[in-house]
Amino acid sequence: MARYRFHCTNGYECVLDAKGADIRQPSRLTDRARRVAHAVMGSDARTDWSQWQVTVHDLKGRRVLLQPFPVAAQAA
C-alpha cells in the first residue's frame, strides 16, 4: 500500500492535501482523484471549474497522475 496526496489547482489557486490517502492499487488513483474533485467542487460556491485539475503525487513528490475536474458535474 502506498500513500498519495491529491492536490487541486487551476494554476493560480491550490487546495493542498497535507494528509494524503493510502491506496492499495494504483489503478484506483483515478477514482479517488474524481472523488476529491467532487468534494472540492461541493465545498466552494465557484461555478467555473473548467481550468481545475487534480494532481496526484507520491510521498517523494513525484506526480503520478494529472486529471481534469469532471466537466459533466459542472453542468449539473
C-alpha atoms as a PDB file:
ATOM      1  CA  MET A   1       0.000   0.000   0.000  1.00  0.00           C
ATOM      2  CA  ALA A   2       1.278   3.449  -0.861  1.00  0.00           C
ATOM      3  CA  ARG A   3       0.262   6.919   0.279  1.00  0.00           C
ATOM      4  CA  TYR A   4      -0.601   9.576  -2.273  1.00  0.00           C
ATOM      5  CA  ARG A   5      -1.521  13.239  -1.996  1.00  0.00           C
ATOM      6  CA  PHE A   6      -4.343  14.675  -4.096  1.00  0.00           C
ATOM      7  CA  HIS A   7      -3.760  18.381  -4.711  1.00  0.00           C
ATOM      8  CA  CYS A   8      -6.188  20.508  -6.709  1.00  0.00           C
ATOM      9  CA  THR A   9      -5.218  23.582  -8.721  1.00  0.00           C
ATOM     10  CA  ASN A  10      -6.168  25.850 -11.572  1.00  0.00           C
ATOM     11  CA  GLY A  11      -2.603  27.105 -11.914  1.00  0.00           C
ATOM     12  CA  TYR A  12      -3.244  30.118  -9.679  1.00  0.00           C
ATOM     13  CA  GLU A  13      -5.077  28.738  -6.648  1.00  0.00           C
ATOM     14  CA  CYS A  14      -4.447  25.486  -4.791  1.00  0.00           C
ATOM     15  CA  VAL A  15      -6.258  23.143  -2.462  1.00  0.00           C
ATOM     16  CA  LEU A  16      -3.486  21.100  -0.884  1.00  0.00           C
ATOM     17  CA  ASP A  17      -3.857  17.630   0.546  1.00  0.00           C
ATOM     18  CA  ALA A  18      -1.479  17.570   3.515  1.00  0.00           C
ATOM     19  CA  LYS A  19      -2.643  14.200   4.845  1.00  0.00           C
ATOM     20  CA  GLY A  20      -2.956  12.105   1.701  1.00  0.00           C
ATOM     21  CA  ALA A  21      -4.606   8.718   1.355  1.00  0.00           C
ATOM     22  CA  ASP A  22      -3.388   5.140   1.341  1.00  0.00           C
ATOM     23  CA  ILE A  23      -4.208   3.457  -1.967  1.00  0.00           C
ATOM     24  CA  ARG A  24      -3.678  -0.282  -2.362  1.00  0.00           C
ATOM     25  CA  GLN A  25      -3.922  -0.437  -6.138  1.00  0.00           C
ATOM     26  CA  PRO A  26      -2.581   2.343  -8.373  1.00  0.00           C
ATOM     27  CA  SER A  27      -5.473   1.626 -10.761  1.00  0.00           C
ATOM     28  CA  ARG A  28      -7.768   3.227  -8.150  1.00  0.00           C
ATOM     29  CA  LEU A  29      -5.997   6.595  -8.256  1.00  0.00           C
ATOM     30  CA  THR A  30      -8.332   7.880 -10.976  1.00  0.00           C
ATOM     31  CA  ASP A  31     -11.457   7.069  -8.948  1.00  0.00           C
ATOM     32  CA  ARG A  32     -10.016   8.703  -5.838  1.00  0.00           C
ATOM     33  CA  ALA A  33      -8.999  11.799  -7.838  1.00  0.00           C
ATOM     34  CA  ARG A  34     -12.554  12.061  -9.184  1.00  0.00           C
ATOM     35  CA  ARG A  35     -13.981  11.871  -5.642  1.00  0.00           C
ATOM     36  CA  VAL A  36     -11.544  14.537  -4.441  1.00  0.00           C
ATOM     37  CA  ALA A  37     -12.565  16.826  -7.323  1.00  0.00           C
ATOM     38  CA  HIS A  38     -16.259  16.400  -6.455  1.00  0.00           C
ATOM     39  CA  ALA A  39     -15.544  17.131  -2.785  1.00  0.00           C
ATOM     40  CA  VAL A  40     -13.678  20.337  -3.638  1.00  0.00           C
ATOM     41  CA  MET A  41     -16.429  21.402  -6.044  1.00  0.00           C
ATOM     42  CA  GLY A  42     -19.035  20.792  -3.349  1.00  0.00           C
ATOM     43  CA  SER A  43     -17.165  22.857  -0.762  1.00  0.00           C
ATOM     44  CA  ASP A  44     -16.882  26.052  -2.815  1.00  0.00           C
ATOM     45  CA  ALA A  45     -19.528  28.299  -4.419  1.00  0.00           C
ATOM     46  CA  ARG A  46     -17.369  28.817  -7.507  1.00  0.00           C
ATOM     47  CA  THR A  47     -19.146  27.949 -10.756  1.00  0.00           C
ATOM     48  CA  ASP A  48     -16.307  27.654 -13.265  1.00  0.00           C
ATOM     49  CA  TRP A  49     -14.135  24.628 -12.612  1.00  0.00           C
ATOM     50  CA  SER A  50     -13.021  24.209 -16.228  1.00  0.00           C
ATOM     51  CA  GLN A  51      -9.360  25.037 -15.528  1.00  0.00           C
ATOM     52  CA  TRP A  52      -9.064  22.931 -12.374  1.00  0.00           C
ATOM     53  CA  GLN A  53      -7.292  19.599 -12.153  1.00  0.00           C
ATOM     54  CA  VAL A  54      -6.245  17.070  -9.561  1.00  0.00           C
ATOM     55  CA  THR A  55      -2.531  16.390  -9.399  1.00  0.00           C
ATOM     56  CA  VAL A  56      -1.669  13.168  -7.599  1.00  0.00           C
ATOM     57  CA  HIS A  57       1.782  12.859  -6.040  1.00  0.00           C
ATOM     58  CA  ASP A  58       3.564  10.053  -4.258  1.00  0.00           C
ATOM     59  CA  LEU A  59       5.350  10.769  -0.979  1.00  0.00           C
ATOM     60  CA  LYS A  60       8.587  11.519  -2.829  1.00  0.00           C
ATOM     61  CA  GLY A  61       6.802  14.387  -4.581  1.00  0.00           C
ATOM     62  CA  ARG A  62       6.643  12.738  -7.994  1.00  0.00           C
ATOM     63  CA  ARG A  63       3.490  13.433  -9.969  1.00  0.00           C
ATOM     64  CA  VAL A  64       1.865  10.138 -10.897  1.00  0.00           C
ATOM     65  CA  LEU A  65      -1.462  11.384 -12.285  1.00  0.00           C
ATOM     66  CA  LEU A  66      -2.929  14.589 -13.675  1.00  0.00           C
ATOM     67  CA  GLN A  67      -6.695  14.548 -14.059  1.00  0.00           C
ATOM     68  CA  PRO A  68      -9.009  17.423 -15.035  1.00  0.00           C
ATOM     69  CA  PHE A  69     -12.064  18.089 -12.894  1.00  0.00           C
ATOM     70  CA  PRO A  70     -15.154  16.325 -14.304  1.00  0.00           C
ATOM     71  CA  VAL A  71     -16.883  18.607 -16.811  1.00  0.00           C
ATOM     72  CA  ALA A  72     -20.251  16.840 -16.568  1.00  0.00           C
ATOM     73  CA  ALA A  73     -20.535  17.741 -12.888  1.00  0.00           C
ATOM     74  CA  GLN A  74     -20.260  21.436 -13.746  1.00  0.00           C
ATOM     75  CA  ALA A  75     -23.449  21.357 -15.775  1.00  0.00           C
ATOM     76  CA  ALA A  76     -25.387  19.612 -13.007  1.00  0.00           C
END
